[in-house]
Amino acid sequence: MEEQLREMGRHLLVPINKDAGCISAYFLEPSIENDNPSFGVVSIWPDKETLDTMKKSERYRTLIQYMSPLIETLTERYI
């Protein structure tokens, strides 16, 4: 499950951000071995409008819906 989340972050979330026009994007990976269940995308945007456009895109919304159950499972396990 942890590896699945890593793969989605690296190969889906970061590219969606970059394709939408962010200046830079990084995926903070979870590591259960290091007792760090935190994860997410850190991205730098040229302006708020570009970020908002990405958040409204079908591609982004679909991915977030797909990831939600996985995120909830990991969050429940380690909180």
N, C-alpha and C. Protein backbone atom coordinates (compact mmCIF):
# COMPACT_ATOMS: atom_id res chain seq x y z
N MET A 1 0.82 -1.19 0.00
CA MET A 1 0.00 0.00 0.00
C MET A 1 0.87 1.26 0.00
N GLU A 2 1.90 1.26 0.82
CA GLU A 2 2.82 2.40 0.87
C GLU A 2 3.49 2.60 -0.49
N GLU A 3 3.90 1.50 -1.11
CA GLU A 3 4.56 1.59 -2.42
C GLU A 3 3.59 2.08 -3.49
N GLN A 4 2.34 1.65 -3.41
CA GLN A 4 1.33 2.10 -4.36
C GLN A 4 1.15 3.62 -4.26
N LEU A 5 1.12 4.13 -3.06
CA LEU A 5 1.00 5.57 -2.86
C LEU A 5 2.22 6.31 -3.41
N ARG A 6 3.39 5.76 -3.18
CA ARG A 6 4.62 6.36 -3.73
C ARG A 6 4.56 6.44 -5.25
N GLU A 7 4.15 5.34 -5.87
CA GLU A 7 4.08 5.30 -7.33
C GLU A 7 3.10 6.34 -7.87
N MET A 8 1.93 6.44 -7.25
CA MET A 8 0.95 7.43 -7.70
C MET A 8 1.48 8.84 -7.52
N GLY A 9 2.15 9.08 -6.41
CA GLY A 9 2.71 10.41 -6.18
C GLY A 9 3.77 10.78 -7.20
N ARG A 10 4.70 9.87 -7.42
CA ARG A 10 5.81 10.12 -8.35
C ARG A 10 5.35 10.23 -9.80
N HIS A 11 4.49 9.29 -10.20
CA HIS A 11 4.17 9.14 -11.62
C HIS A 11 2.84 9.74 -12.05
N LEU A 12 2.03 10.19 -11.09
CA LEU A 12 0.75 10.80 -11.46
C LEU A 12 0.59 12.20 -10.88
N LEU A 13 0.73 12.35 -9.56
CA LEU A 13 0.52 13.66 -8.95
C LEU A 13 1.54 14.70 -9.39
N VAL A 14 2.80 14.35 -9.36
CA VAL A 14 3.83 15.31 -9.77
C VAL A 14 3.66 15.69 -11.24
N PRO A 15 3.48 14.74 -12.16
CA PRO A 15 3.28 15.13 -13.56
C PRO A 15 2.03 15.99 -13.79
N ILE A 16 0.94 15.71 -13.05
CA ILE A 16 -0.26 16.54 -13.20
C ILE A 16 0.07 17.98 -12.83
N ASN A 17 0.79 18.16 -11.74
CA ASN A 17 1.17 19.51 -11.31
C ASN A 17 2.06 20.18 -12.36
N LYS A 18 3.05 19.44 -12.85
CA LYS A 18 3.98 20.02 -13.84
C LYS A 18 3.27 20.34 -15.15
N ASP A 19 2.41 19.43 -15.61
CA ASP A 19 1.67 19.67 -16.85
C ASP A 19 0.75 20.88 -16.74
N ALA A 20 0.26 21.14 -15.53
CA ALA A 20 -0.67 22.25 -15.32
C ALA A 20 0.03 23.60 -15.19
N GLY A 21 1.36 23.59 -15.13
CA GLY A 21 2.08 24.86 -15.14
C GLY A 21 2.81 25.25 -13.88
N CYS A 22 2.98 24.31 -12.93
CA CYS A 22 3.74 24.68 -11.74
C CYS A 22 5.21 24.83 -12.11
N ILE A 23 5.89 25.63 -11.35
CA ILE A 23 7.31 25.89 -11.60
C ILE A 23 8.15 24.70 -11.19
N SER A 24 7.78 24.09 -10.06
CA SER A 24 8.52 22.95 -9.54
C SER A 24 7.58 22.11 -8.67
N ALA A 25 7.78 20.79 -8.66
CA ALA A 25 6.94 19.91 -7.83
C ALA A 25 7.78 18.75 -7.31
N TYR A 26 7.54 18.41 -6.05
CA TYR A 26 8.24 17.31 -5.38
C TYR A 26 7.22 16.48 -4.62
N PHE A 27 7.43 15.17 -4.57
CA PHE A 27 6.56 14.30 -3.79
C PHE A 27 7.28 13.92 -2.50
N LEU A 28 6.68 14.26 -1.38
CA LEU A 28 7.21 13.86 -0.07
C LEU A 28 6.70 12.46 0.20
N GLU A 29 7.59 11.50 0.25
CA GLU A 29 7.19 10.10 0.34
C GLU A 29 7.00 9.63 1.77
N PRO A 30 5.99 8.78 1.98
CA PRO A 30 5.80 8.20 3.31
C PRO A 30 6.87 7.14 3.56
N SER A 31 7.21 6.94 4.81
CA SER A 31 8.16 5.89 5.16
C SER A 31 7.77 5.31 6.52
N ILE A 32 7.10 4.20 6.48
CA ILE A 32 6.66 3.55 7.71
C ILE A 32 7.88 3.07 8.50
N GLU A 33 8.92 2.65 7.79
CA GLU A 33 10.15 2.19 8.45
C GLU A 33 10.76 3.28 9.33
N ASN A 34 10.65 4.52 8.89
CA ASN A 34 11.20 5.65 9.64
C ASN A 34 10.14 6.36 10.47
N ASP A 35 8.99 5.71 10.65
CA ASP A 35 7.89 6.25 11.43
C ASP A 35 7.45 7.62 10.90
N ASN A 36 7.39 7.72 9.58
CA ASN A 36 6.96 8.95 8.94
C ASN A 36 5.85 8.64 7.93
N PRO A 37 4.59 8.61 8.39
CA PRO A 37 3.50 8.30 7.48
C PRO A 37 3.06 9.50 6.64
N SER A 38 3.68 10.65 6.82
CA SER A 38 3.28 11.85 6.09
C SER A 38 3.68 11.76 4.62
N PHE A 39 2.87 12.34 3.77
CA PHE A 39 3.15 12.35 2.35
C PHE A 39 2.41 13.51 1.72
N GLY A 40 2.80 13.87 0.53
CA GLY A 40 2.11 14.94 -0.19
C GLY A 40 2.98 15.52 -1.28
N VAL A 41 2.39 16.43 -2.03
CA VAL A 41 3.10 17.11 -3.09
C VAL A 41 3.38 18.54 -2.65
N VAL A 42 4.62 18.93 -2.79
CA VAL A 42 5.00 20.32 -2.56
C VAL A 42 5.24 20.91 -3.94
N SER A 43 4.53 21.97 -4.26
CA SER A 43 4.68 22.56 -5.59
C SER A 43 4.73 24.08 -5.49
N ILE A 44 5.43 24.67 -6.43
CA ILE A 44 5.57 26.12 -6.50
C ILE A 44 4.86 26.57 -7.78
N TRP A 45 3.95 27.53 -7.60
CA TRP A 45 3.12 27.98 -8.72
C TRP A 45 3.40 29.45 -9.06
N PRO A 46 3.29 29.80 -10.34
CA PRO A 46 3.54 31.18 -10.73
C PRO A 46 2.46 32.13 -10.21
N ASP A 47 1.23 31.60 -10.04
CA ASP A 47 0.14 32.41 -9.51
C ASP A 47 -0.99 31.49 -9.04
N LYS A 48 -1.89 32.04 -8.24
CA LYS A 48 -2.98 31.26 -7.67
C LYS A 48 -3.96 30.77 -8.74
N GLU A 49 -4.16 31.54 -9.77
CA GLU A 49 -5.09 31.17 -10.83
C GLU A 49 -4.66 29.87 -11.52
N THR A 50 -3.39 29.72 -11.78
CA THR A 50 -2.88 28.50 -12.42
C THR A 50 -3.10 27.29 -11.51
N LEU A 51 -2.85 27.45 -10.22
CA LEU A 51 -3.08 26.38 -9.25
C LEU A 51 -4.56 26.01 -9.20
N ASP A 52 -5.43 27.01 -9.12
CA ASP A 52 -6.87 26.74 -9.06
C ASP A 52 -7.37 26.02 -10.30
N THR A 53 -6.84 26.38 -11.46
CA THR A 53 -7.22 25.71 -12.71
C THR A 53 -6.85 24.23 -12.65
N MET A 54 -5.66 23.92 -12.13
CA MET A 54 -5.24 22.52 -12.01
C MET A 54 -6.17 21.77 -11.08
N LYS A 55 -6.52 22.37 -9.94
CA LYS A 55 -7.38 21.71 -8.96
C LYS A 55 -8.77 21.42 -9.50
N LYS A 56 -9.20 22.19 -10.49
CA LYS A 56 -10.52 21.99 -11.08
C LYS A 56 -10.50 21.02 -12.25
N SER A 57 -9.32 20.61 -12.68
CA SER A 57 -9.22 19.74 -13.85
C SER A 57 -9.78 18.35 -13.57
N GLU A 58 -10.34 17.75 -14.59
CA GLU A 58 -10.92 16.41 -14.47
C GLU A 58 -9.85 15.39 -14.10
N ARG A 59 -8.69 15.51 -14.69
CA ARG A 59 -7.59 14.57 -14.43
C ARG A 59 -7.20 14.57 -12.95
N TYR A 60 -7.07 15.75 -12.37
CA TYR A 60 -6.69 15.88 -10.96
C TYR A 60 -7.80 15.36 -10.05
N ARG A 61 -9.03 15.77 -10.31
CA ARG A 61 -10.15 15.34 -9.46
C ARG A 61 -10.34 13.83 -9.49
N THR A 62 -10.19 13.23 -10.66
CA THR A 62 -10.32 11.78 -10.78
C THR A 62 -9.24 11.07 -9.98
N LEU A 63 -8.01 11.54 -10.08
CA LEU A 63 -6.91 10.92 -9.34
C LEU A 63 -7.13 11.04 -7.83
N ILE A 64 -7.55 12.19 -7.36
CA ILE A 64 -7.79 12.38 -5.93
C ILE A 64 -8.90 11.46 -5.45
N GLN A 65 -9.95 11.29 -6.23
CA GLN A 65 -11.03 10.37 -5.85
C GLN A 65 -10.51 8.94 -5.78
N TYR A 66 -9.67 8.56 -6.72
CA TYR A 66 -9.10 7.22 -6.74
C TYR A 66 -8.18 6.98 -5.54
N MET A 67 -7.43 8.02 -5.16
CA MET A 67 -6.47 7.88 -4.07
C MET A 67 -7.11 7.98 -2.68
N SER A 68 -8.27 8.56 -2.57
CA SER A 68 -8.89 8.82 -1.26
C SER A 68 -8.96 7.60 -0.35
N PRO A 69 -9.45 6.44 -0.82
CA PRO A 69 -9.51 5.27 0.08
C PRO A 69 -8.13 4.84 0.58
N LEU A 70 -7.14 4.91 -0.28
CA LEU A 70 -5.78 4.55 0.09
C LEU A 70 -5.23 5.52 1.13
N ILE A 71 -5.46 6.79 0.92
CA ILE A 71 -5.00 7.82 1.86
C ILE A 71 -5.68 7.63 3.21
N GLU A 72 -6.98 7.38 3.21
CA GLU A 72 -7.70 7.16 4.47
C GLU A 72 -7.16 5.95 5.22
N THR A 73 -6.89 4.88 4.51
CA THR A 73 -6.37 3.67 5.15
C THR A 73 -5.02 3.94 5.81
N LEU A 74 -4.12 4.58 5.09
CA LEU A 74 -2.80 4.88 5.66
C LEU A 74 -2.91 5.84 6.83
N THR A 75 -3.76 6.83 6.70
CA THR A 75 -3.93 7.82 7.77
C THR A 75 -4.49 7.17 9.03
N GLU A 76 -5.49 6.31 8.87
CA GLU A 76 -6.09 5.63 10.03
C GLU A 76 -5.09 4.72 10.72
N ARG A 77 -4.23 4.09 9.97
CA ARG A 77 -3.25 3.16 10.53
C ARG A 77 -2.23 3.84 11.42
N TYR A 78 -1.85 5.05 11.06
CA TYR A 78 -0.70 5.67 11.71
C TYR A 78 -1.02 6.93 12.50
N ILE A 79 -2.28 7.21 12.69
CA ILE A 79 -2.62 8.37 13.53
C ILE A 79 -2.94 7.90 14.92
